[in-house]
Amino acid sequence: MPSMKVLLSVFVIAFLAVGCSVPGTERKFGRGLANATEFARLGEIRRSMEQTAVLKNPDTAYTAGFFHGLNRSLARTGVGIYEMATAPLPNDWTTKDYGPIFRPEGTVYPDSYKPHWIADEFVSPDAALGFAGGDVMPFVPGSRFRIFDN
């Protein structure tokens, strides 16, 4: 009887081989990976708090908005794990649909924040200044500081 390591290796190789041949698999896996790392960005929480403050009641932004965003973050993370695990399989076998399960499809940020490149010489080097424009610390919640923001 084959060991568990052999079966897992065969599964991983088959998963990667199928991913390269079926259109839509790479996008589904990438979308799942982005959704599974939602708690690293905290985008849903920040967006829900902002939307609650602007559209409903500013007094409940830190309570109801936070918990609404937390629930959406948990749901987005679960859907991301599901999409990564089922990347080679279509959502609907009859139409070969690899579309998103959770909307909006892309990464979610508050409406007041539009991410740019990170301020790094790898992305946009500038030999004259020694640094380039971009977000300075986008991974810090509440950070909106950019170099050369025009």
N, C-alpha and C. Protein backbone atom coordinates (compact mmCIF):
# COMPACT_ATOMS: atom_id res chain seq x y z
N MET A 1 0.85 -1.18 0.00
CA MET A 1 0.00 0.00 0.00
C MET A 1 0.90 1.24 0.00
N PRO A 2 0.63 2.16 -0.91
CA PRO A 2 1.48 3.36 -0.99
C PRO A 2 1.32 4.24 0.25
N SER A 3 2.41 4.88 0.59
CA SER A 3 2.38 5.73 1.78
C SER A 3 1.64 7.04 1.48
N MET A 4 1.36 7.77 2.53
CA MET A 4 0.63 9.01 2.39
C MET A 4 1.45 10.06 1.65
N LYS A 5 2.77 10.04 1.81
CA LYS A 5 3.63 11.00 1.12
C LYS A 5 3.58 10.79 -0.39
N VAL A 6 3.55 9.54 -0.82
CA VAL A 6 3.49 9.24 -2.25
C VAL A 6 2.15 9.70 -2.83
N LEU A 7 1.07 9.42 -2.13
CA LEU A 7 -0.25 9.84 -2.61
C LEU A 7 -0.36 11.37 -2.66
N LEU A 8 0.18 12.03 -1.65
CA LEU A 8 0.15 13.49 -1.64
C LEU A 8 1.00 14.06 -2.77
N SER A 9 2.14 13.46 -3.03
CA SER A 9 3.00 13.92 -4.13
C SER A 9 2.31 13.75 -5.48
N VAL A 10 1.67 12.62 -5.69
CA VAL A 10 0.95 12.38 -6.95
C VAL A 10 -0.19 13.39 -7.10
N PHE A 11 -0.90 13.67 -6.01
CA PHE A 11 -1.99 14.64 -6.06
C PHE A 11 -1.47 16.03 -6.41
N VAL A 12 -0.37 16.45 -5.81
CA VAL A 12 0.18 17.79 -6.07
C VAL A 12 0.66 17.89 -7.52
N ILE A 13 1.31 16.87 -8.02
CA ILE A 13 1.78 16.88 -9.41
C ILE A 13 0.60 16.92 -10.38
N ALA A 14 -0.43 16.12 -10.11
CA ALA A 14 -1.62 16.14 -10.96
C ALA A 14 -2.33 17.48 -10.88
N PHE A 15 -2.38 18.07 -9.70
CA PHE A 15 -3.01 19.38 -9.51
C PHE A 15 -2.30 20.45 -10.33
N LEU A 16 -0.97 20.44 -10.29
CA LEU A 16 -0.20 21.43 -11.04
C LEU A 16 -0.27 21.18 -12.54
N ALA A 17 -0.28 19.92 -12.97
CA ALA A 17 -0.35 19.61 -14.40
C ALA A 17 -1.70 20.01 -14.98
N VAL A 18 -2.76 19.76 -14.26
CA VAL A 18 -4.09 20.14 -14.74
C VAL A 18 -4.22 21.65 -14.76
N GLY A 19 -3.63 22.34 -13.78
CA GLY A 19 -3.72 23.78 -13.71
C GLY A 19 -3.13 24.47 -14.92
N CYS A 20 -2.15 23.87 -15.54
CA CYS A 20 -1.52 24.51 -16.70
C CYS A 20 -2.30 24.27 -17.98
N SER A 21 -3.16 23.30 -18.02
CA SER A 21 -3.82 22.96 -19.28
C SER A 21 -5.25 23.47 -19.39
N VAL A 22 -5.90 23.77 -18.29
CA VAL A 22 -7.30 24.19 -18.32
C VAL A 22 -7.39 25.70 -18.17
N PRO A 23 -8.00 26.42 -19.13
CA PRO A 23 -8.13 27.86 -18.98
C PRO A 23 -9.06 28.21 -17.82
N GLY A 24 -8.67 29.17 -17.03
CA GLY A 24 -9.46 29.58 -15.89
C GLY A 24 -8.95 29.06 -14.57
N THR A 25 -8.13 28.01 -14.62
CA THR A 25 -7.63 27.42 -13.38
C THR A 25 -6.66 28.36 -12.68
N GLU A 26 -5.76 28.98 -13.44
CA GLU A 26 -4.78 29.87 -12.82
C GLU A 26 -5.47 31.06 -12.18
N ARG A 27 -6.45 31.61 -12.85
CA ARG A 27 -7.17 32.76 -12.30
C ARG A 27 -7.94 32.37 -11.05
N LYS A 28 -8.56 31.20 -11.06
CA LYS A 28 -9.31 30.75 -9.90
C LYS A 28 -8.38 30.51 -8.72
N PHE A 29 -7.22 29.91 -8.97
CA PHE A 29 -6.26 29.67 -7.89
C PHE A 29 -5.70 31.00 -7.35
N GLY A 30 -5.37 31.93 -8.24
CA GLY A 30 -4.87 33.23 -7.81
C GLY A 30 -5.89 34.01 -7.02
N ARG A 31 -7.15 33.96 -7.46
CA ARG A 31 -8.23 34.63 -6.74
C ARG A 31 -8.42 33.99 -5.37
N GLY A 32 -8.32 32.68 -5.30
CA GLY A 32 -8.43 31.99 -4.02
C GLY A 32 -7.28 32.34 -3.08
N LEU A 33 -6.08 32.46 -3.62
CA LEU A 33 -4.93 32.84 -2.81
C LEU A 33 -5.09 34.26 -2.28
N ALA A 34 -5.56 35.17 -3.12
CA ALA A 34 -5.79 36.55 -2.68
C ALA A 34 -6.88 36.61 -1.62
N ASN A 35 -7.93 35.82 -1.79
CA ASN A 35 -9.01 35.82 -0.80
C ASN A 35 -8.59 35.15 0.50
N ALA A 36 -7.76 34.12 0.42
CA ALA A 36 -7.34 33.41 1.63
C ALA A 36 -6.43 34.27 2.50
N THR A 37 -5.76 35.24 1.91
CA THR A 37 -4.87 36.12 2.68
C THR A 37 -5.56 37.44 3.04
N GLU A 38 -6.86 37.41 3.18
CA GLU A 38 -7.63 38.62 3.49
C GLU A 38 -7.22 39.22 4.83
N PHE A 39 -6.92 38.40 5.82
CA PHE A 39 -6.58 38.94 7.14
C PHE A 39 -5.21 39.61 7.15
N ALA A 40 -4.38 39.38 6.16
CA ALA A 40 -3.11 40.10 6.06
C ALA A 40 -3.34 41.55 5.61
N ARG A 41 -4.37 41.78 4.79
CA ARG A 41 -4.71 43.12 4.29
C ARG A 41 -5.67 43.86 5.18
N LEU A 42 -6.60 43.14 5.78
CA LEU A 42 -7.70 43.72 6.56
C LEU A 42 -8.56 44.67 5.73
N GLY A 43 -8.68 44.36 4.44
CA GLY A 43 -9.42 45.23 3.54
C GLY A 43 -10.91 45.25 3.80
N GLU A 44 -11.50 44.10 4.04
CA GLU A 44 -12.95 44.05 4.29
C GLU A 44 -13.32 44.77 5.57
N ILE A 45 -12.48 44.64 6.60
CA ILE A 45 -12.78 45.30 7.87
C ILE A 45 -12.70 46.81 7.70
N ARG A 46 -11.63 47.29 7.08
CA ARG A 46 -11.50 48.74 6.89
C ARG A 46 -12.60 49.28 5.98
N ARG A 47 -12.93 48.53 4.93
CA ARG A 47 -13.97 48.99 4.00
C ARG A 47 -15.33 49.02 4.68
N SER A 48 -15.65 48.01 5.46
CA SER A 48 -16.95 47.97 6.13
C SER A 48 -17.06 49.07 7.19
N MET A 49 -15.98 49.34 7.88
CA MET A 49 -16.01 50.42 8.87
C MET A 49 -16.21 51.77 8.18
N GLU A 50 -15.54 51.98 7.05
CA GLU A 50 -15.71 53.23 6.32
C GLU A 50 -17.12 53.36 5.76
N GLN A 51 -17.63 52.29 5.16
CA GLN A 51 -18.97 52.33 4.57
C GLN A 51 -20.04 52.56 5.64
N THR A 52 -19.86 51.95 6.81
CA THR A 52 -20.81 52.15 7.90
C THR A 52 -20.79 53.60 8.37
N ALA A 53 -19.59 54.19 8.48
CA ALA A 53 -19.47 55.57 8.93
C ALA A 53 -20.07 56.54 7.93
N VAL A 54 -19.88 56.28 6.65
CA VAL A 54 -20.33 57.22 5.62
C VAL A 54 -21.82 57.04 5.31
N LEU A 55 -22.26 55.81 5.15
CA LEU A 55 -23.62 55.57 4.67
C LEU A 55 -24.66 55.37 5.77
N LYS A 56 -24.24 54.91 6.94
CA LYS A 56 -25.23 54.62 7.99
C LYS A 56 -25.09 55.59 9.15
N ASN A 57 -24.22 55.27 10.10
CA ASN A 57 -24.10 56.08 11.30
C ASN A 57 -22.64 56.09 11.73
N PRO A 58 -22.00 57.25 11.83
CA PRO A 58 -20.60 57.28 12.24
C PRO A 58 -20.35 56.72 13.63
N ASP A 59 -21.37 56.76 14.49
CA ASP A 59 -21.20 56.26 15.85
C ASP A 59 -21.06 54.74 15.89
N THR A 60 -21.58 54.04 14.91
CA THR A 60 -21.52 52.58 14.92
C THR A 60 -20.44 52.02 14.00
N ALA A 61 -19.58 52.87 13.47
CA ALA A 61 -18.55 52.40 12.54
C ALA A 61 -17.56 51.48 13.22
N TYR A 62 -17.21 51.78 14.48
CA TYR A 62 -16.22 50.97 15.18
C TYR A 62 -16.81 49.72 15.82
N THR A 63 -18.11 49.60 15.84
CA THR A 63 -18.71 48.41 16.43
C THR A 63 -19.37 47.56 15.35
N ALA A 64 -20.49 48.04 14.82
CA ALA A 64 -21.22 47.27 13.81
C ALA A 64 -20.40 47.14 12.53
N GLY A 65 -19.70 48.20 12.13
CA GLY A 65 -18.87 48.14 10.93
C GLY A 65 -17.73 47.16 11.07
N PHE A 66 -17.11 47.13 12.26
CA PHE A 66 -16.02 46.19 12.50
C PHE A 66 -16.50 44.75 12.41
N PHE A 67 -17.60 44.44 13.07
CA PHE A 67 -18.09 43.05 13.07
C PHE A 67 -18.63 42.63 11.71
N HIS A 68 -19.22 43.56 10.97
CA HIS A 68 -19.65 43.25 9.61
C HIS A 68 -18.42 42.92 8.74
N GLY A 69 -17.37 43.72 8.87
CA GLY A 69 -16.14 43.46 8.13
C GLY A 69 -15.46 42.17 8.56
N LEU A 70 -15.52 41.86 9.85
CA LEU A 70 -14.94 40.61 10.34
C LEU A 70 -15.67 39.41 9.76
N ASN A 71 -16.99 39.48 9.71
CA ASN A 71 -17.78 38.38 9.11
C ASN A 71 -17.46 38.22 7.63
N ARG A 72 -17.35 39.34 6.91
CA ARG A 72 -17.01 39.27 5.48
C ARG A 72 -15.58 38.75 5.28
N SER A 73 -14.67 39.10 6.18
CA SER A 73 -13.30 38.61 6.07
C SER A 73 -13.24 37.10 6.29
N LEU A 74 -13.99 36.61 7.27
CA LEU A 74 -14.05 35.16 7.50
C LEU A 74 -14.64 34.44 6.29
N ALA A 75 -15.71 35.00 5.73
CA ALA A 75 -16.33 34.39 4.55
C ALA A 75 -15.38 34.41 3.36
N ARG A 76 -14.69 35.54 3.15
CA ARG A 76 -13.76 35.65 2.03
C ARG A 76 -12.59 34.68 2.19
N THR A 77 -12.10 34.50 3.40
CA THR A 77 -11.01 33.56 3.66
C THR A 77 -11.46 32.13 3.39
N GLY A 78 -12.65 31.78 3.84
CA GLY A 78 -13.17 30.43 3.59
C GLY A 78 -13.37 30.16 2.11
N VAL A 79 -13.92 31.12 1.39
CA VAL A 79 -14.11 30.96 -0.05
C VAL A 79 -12.76 30.86 -0.75
N GLY A 80 -11.77 31.61 -0.29
CA GLY A 80 -10.43 31.54 -0.88
C GLY A 80 -9.80 30.17 -0.71
N ILE A 81 -9.94 29.58 0.46
CA ILE A 81 -9.41 28.23 0.68
C ILE A 81 -10.13 27.23 -0.19
N TYR A 82 -11.45 27.38 -0.32
CA TYR A 82 -12.23 26.49 -1.18
C TYR A 82 -11.79 26.62 -2.64
N GLU A 83 -11.59 27.86 -3.12
CA GLU A 83 -11.20 28.06 -4.51
C GLU A 83 -9.79 27.53 -4.78
N MET A 84 -8.90 27.63 -3.81
CA MET A 84 -7.55 27.07 -4.02
C MET A 84 -7.62 25.54 -4.08
N ALA A 85 -8.44 24.95 -3.23
CA ALA A 85 -8.52 23.48 -3.20
C ALA A 85 -9.20 22.92 -4.44
N THR A 86 -10.14 23.66 -5.01
CA THR A 86 -10.89 23.18 -6.17
C THR A 86 -10.52 23.91 -7.45
N ALA A 87 -9.31 24.45 -7.53
CA ALA A 87 -8.91 25.24 -8.70
C ALA A 87 -9.00 24.47 -10.02
N PRO A 88 -8.60 23.19 -10.09
CA PRO A 88 -8.70 22.51 -11.39
C PRO A 88 -10.12 22.13 -11.78
N LEU A 89 -11.05 22.22 -10.86
CA LEU A 89 -12.43 21.81 -11.12
C LEU A 89 -13.30 23.03 -11.38
N PRO A 90 -14.15 23.01 -12.39
CA PRO A 90 -15.03 24.17 -12.63
C PRO A 90 -16.14 24.23 -11.57
N ASN A 91 -16.67 25.43 -11.38
CA ASN A 91 -17.78 25.60 -10.43
C ASN A 91 -19.05 24.94 -10.95
N ASP A 92 -19.23 24.98 -12.27
CA ASP A 92 -20.39 24.37 -12.91
C ASP A 92 -19.89 23.50 -14.06
N TRP A 93 -20.13 22.20 -13.99
CA TRP A 93 -19.60 21.27 -14.99
C TRP A 93 -20.24 21.46 -16.36
N THR A 94 -21.49 21.92 -16.40
CA THR A 94 -22.18 22.04 -17.69
C THR A 94 -21.65 23.22 -18.50
N THR A 95 -21.29 24.30 -17.84
CA THR A 95 -20.83 25.49 -18.56
C THR A 95 -19.32 25.70 -18.45
N LYS A 96 -18.63 24.86 -17.71
CA LYS A 96 -17.17 25.00 -17.48
C LYS A 96 -16.86 26.38 -16.91
N ASP A 97 -17.63 26.79 -15.90
CA ASP A 97 -17.51 28.12 -15.30
C ASP A 97 -16.46 28.11 -14.19
N TYR A 98 -15.44 28.96 -14.33
CA TYR A 98 -14.41 29.14 -13.31
C TYR A 98 -14.54 30.51 -12.66
N GLY A 99 -15.69 31.12 -12.74
CA GLY A 99 -15.89 32.48 -12.25
C GLY A 99 -15.86 32.58 -10.73
N PRO A 100 -15.91 33.82 -10.22
CA PRO A 100 -15.82 34.03 -8.78
C PRO A 100 -17.08 33.58 -8.05
N ILE A 101 -16.90 33.13 -6.82
CA ILE A 101 -18.01 32.74 -5.97
C ILE A 101 -18.41 33.91 -5.08
N PHE A 102 -17.42 34.69 -4.66
CA PHE A 102 -17.63 35.79 -3.72
C PHE A 102 -17.41 37.11 -4.44
N ARG A 103 -18.35 38.03 -4.32
CA ARG A 103 -18.25 39.33 -4.97
C ARG A 103 -17.97 40.41 -3.94
N PRO A 104 -17.22 41.45 -4.26
CA PRO A 104 -16.49 41.71 -5.49
C PRO A 104 -15.31 40.76 -5.64
N GLU A 105 -14.92 40.54 -6.89
CA GLU A 105 -13.93 39.52 -7.20
C GLU A 105 -12.53 39.88 -6.71
N GLY A 106 -12.09 41.09 -6.95
CA GLY A 106 -10.73 41.48 -6.63
C GLY A 106 -10.52 41.75 -5.16
N THR A 107 -9.29 42.17 -4.85
CA THR A 107 -9.00 42.54 -3.47
C THR A 107 -9.79 43.78 -3.10
N VAL A 108 -10.22 43.85 -1.87
CA VAL A 108 -11.11 44.90 -1.41
C VAL A 108 -10.33 45.88 -0.54
N TYR A 109 -10.48 47.15 -0.84
CA TYR A 109 -9.90 48.23 -0.05
C TYR A 109 -10.99 49.24 0.24
N PRO A 110 -10.80 50.10 1.25
CA PRO A 110 -11.78 51.18 1.45
C PRO A 110 -11.84 52.08 0.22
N ASP A 111 -12.98 52.72 0.01
CA ASP A 111 -13.14 53.58 -1.16
C ASP A 111 -12.21 54.78 -1.13
N SER A 112 -11.79 55.20 0.06
CA SER A 112 -10.91 56.36 0.16
C SER A 112 -9.45 56.02 -0.11
N TYR A 113 -9.13 54.76 -0.31
CA TYR A 113 -7.75 54.34 -0.50
C TYR A 113 -7.63 53.54 -1.79
N LYS A 114 -6.82 54.01 -2.69
CA LYS A 114 -6.52 53.30 -3.92
C LYS A 114 -5.04 52.93 -3.90
N PRO A 115 -4.71 51.66 -3.79
CA PRO A 115 -3.31 51.27 -3.64
C PRO A 115 -2.49 51.56 -4.90
N HIS A 116 -1.25 51.90 -4.70
CA HIS A 116 -0.29 52.13 -5.76
C HIS A 116 0.86 51.15 -5.58
N TRP A 117 1.89 51.32 -6.38
CA TRP A 117 3.08 50.52 -6.20
C TRP A 117 3.70 50.83 -4.84
N ILE A 118 4.39 49.84 -4.28
CA ILE A 118 5.14 50.08 -3.06
C ILE A 118 6.37 50.88 -3.40
N ALA A 119 6.75 51.83 -2.55
CA ALA A 119 7.93 52.67 -2.78
C ALA A 119 9.18 51.81 -2.61
N ASP A 120 9.62 51.21 -3.70
CA ASP A 120 10.76 50.31 -3.66
C ASP A 120 11.56 50.46 -4.94
N GLU A 121 12.87 50.36 -4.86
CA GLU A 121 13.70 50.51 -6.05
C GLU A 121 13.52 49.35 -7.03
N PHE A 122 12.99 48.25 -6.58
CA PHE A 122 12.74 47.12 -7.48
C PHE A 122 11.62 47.45 -8.47
N VAL A 123 10.59 48.15 -8.01
CA VAL A 123 9.43 48.45 -8.83
C VAL A 123 9.69 49.63 -9.75
N SER A 124 10.21 50.72 -9.20
CA SER A 124 10.44 51.91 -10.02
C SER A 124 11.69 52.65 -9.53
N PRO A 125 12.86 52.25 -9.99
CA PRO A 125 14.07 52.88 -9.50
C PRO A 125 14.26 54.28 -10.10
N ASP A 126 14.90 55.13 -9.36
CA ASP A 126 15.23 56.47 -9.82
C ASP A 126 16.66 56.76 -9.37
N ALA A 127 17.59 56.74 -10.31
CA ALA A 127 19.01 56.89 -9.97
C ALA A 127 19.32 58.29 -9.48
N ALA A 128 18.59 59.31 -9.93
CA ALA A 128 18.90 60.68 -9.53
C ALA A 128 18.52 60.95 -8.08
N LEU A 129 17.38 60.41 -7.62
CA LEU A 129 16.91 60.69 -6.28
C LEU A 129 17.26 59.60 -5.28
N GLY A 130 17.43 58.38 -5.74
CA GLY A 130 17.70 57.28 -4.83
C GLY A 130 16.45 56.58 -4.34
N PHE A 131 15.28 57.14 -4.61
CA PHE A 131 14.02 56.50 -4.27
C PHE A 131 12.98 56.95 -5.27
N ALA A 132 11.85 56.28 -5.27
CA ALA A 132 10.82 56.57 -6.25
C ALA A 132 9.48 56.74 -5.55
N GLY A 133 8.47 57.10 -6.30
CA GLY A 133 7.16 57.30 -5.72
C GLY A 133 6.44 55.99 -5.46
N GLY A 134 5.44 56.06 -4.61
CA GLY A 134 4.64 54.89 -4.30
C GLY A 134 4.18 54.92 -2.85
N ASP A 135 3.52 53.87 -2.41
CA ASP A 135 3.08 53.76 -1.03
C ASP A 135 4.28 53.44 -0.14
N VAL A 136 4.36 54.12 0.99
CA VAL A 136 5.49 53.90 1.88
C VAL A 136 5.24 52.69 2.77
N MET A 137 4.10 52.64 3.44
CA MET A 137 3.79 51.52 4.33
C MET A 137 2.35 51.06 4.13
N PRO A 138 2.03 50.43 2.99
CA PRO A 138 0.63 50.06 2.75
C PRO A 138 0.13 48.93 3.64
N PHE A 139 1.03 48.19 4.26
CA PHE A 139 0.62 47.08 5.11
C PHE A 139 0.18 47.53 6.50
N VAL A 140 0.36 48.81 6.83
CA VAL A 140 -0.07 49.35 8.12
C VAL A 140 -1.48 49.90 7.95
N PRO A 141 -2.45 49.39 8.71
CA PRO A 141 -3.82 49.91 8.58
C PRO A 141 -3.88 51.39 8.91
N GLY A 142 -4.53 52.14 8.07
CA GLY A 142 -4.67 53.57 8.26
C GLY A 142 -3.57 54.39 7.62
N SER A 143 -2.56 53.75 7.05
CA SER A 143 -1.47 54.47 6.42
C SER A 143 -1.89 54.93 5.04
N ARG A 144 -1.81 56.23 4.79
CA ARG A 144 -2.16 56.79 3.51
C ARG A 144 -1.00 57.61 2.93
N PHE A 145 0.19 57.46 3.50
CA PHE A 145 1.32 58.28 3.10
C PHE A 145 1.93 57.78 1.80
N ARG A 146 2.10 58.68 0.84
CA ARG A 146 2.73 58.34 -0.44
C ARG A 146 3.83 59.36 -0.75
N ILE A 147 4.86 58.90 -1.39
CA ILE A 147 5.90 59.80 -1.88
C ILE A 147 5.42 60.36 -3.22
N PHE A 148 5.58 61.64 -3.43
CA PHE A 148 5.23 62.32 -4.67
C PHE A 148 3.75 62.16 -5.00
N ASP A 149 2.88 62.33 -4.04
CA ASP A 149 1.45 62.24 -4.30
C ASP A 149 0.96 63.54 -4.91
N ASN A 150 0.65 63.52 -6.19
CA ASN A 150 0.21 64.74 -6.88
C ASN A 150 -1.28 64.69 -7.13
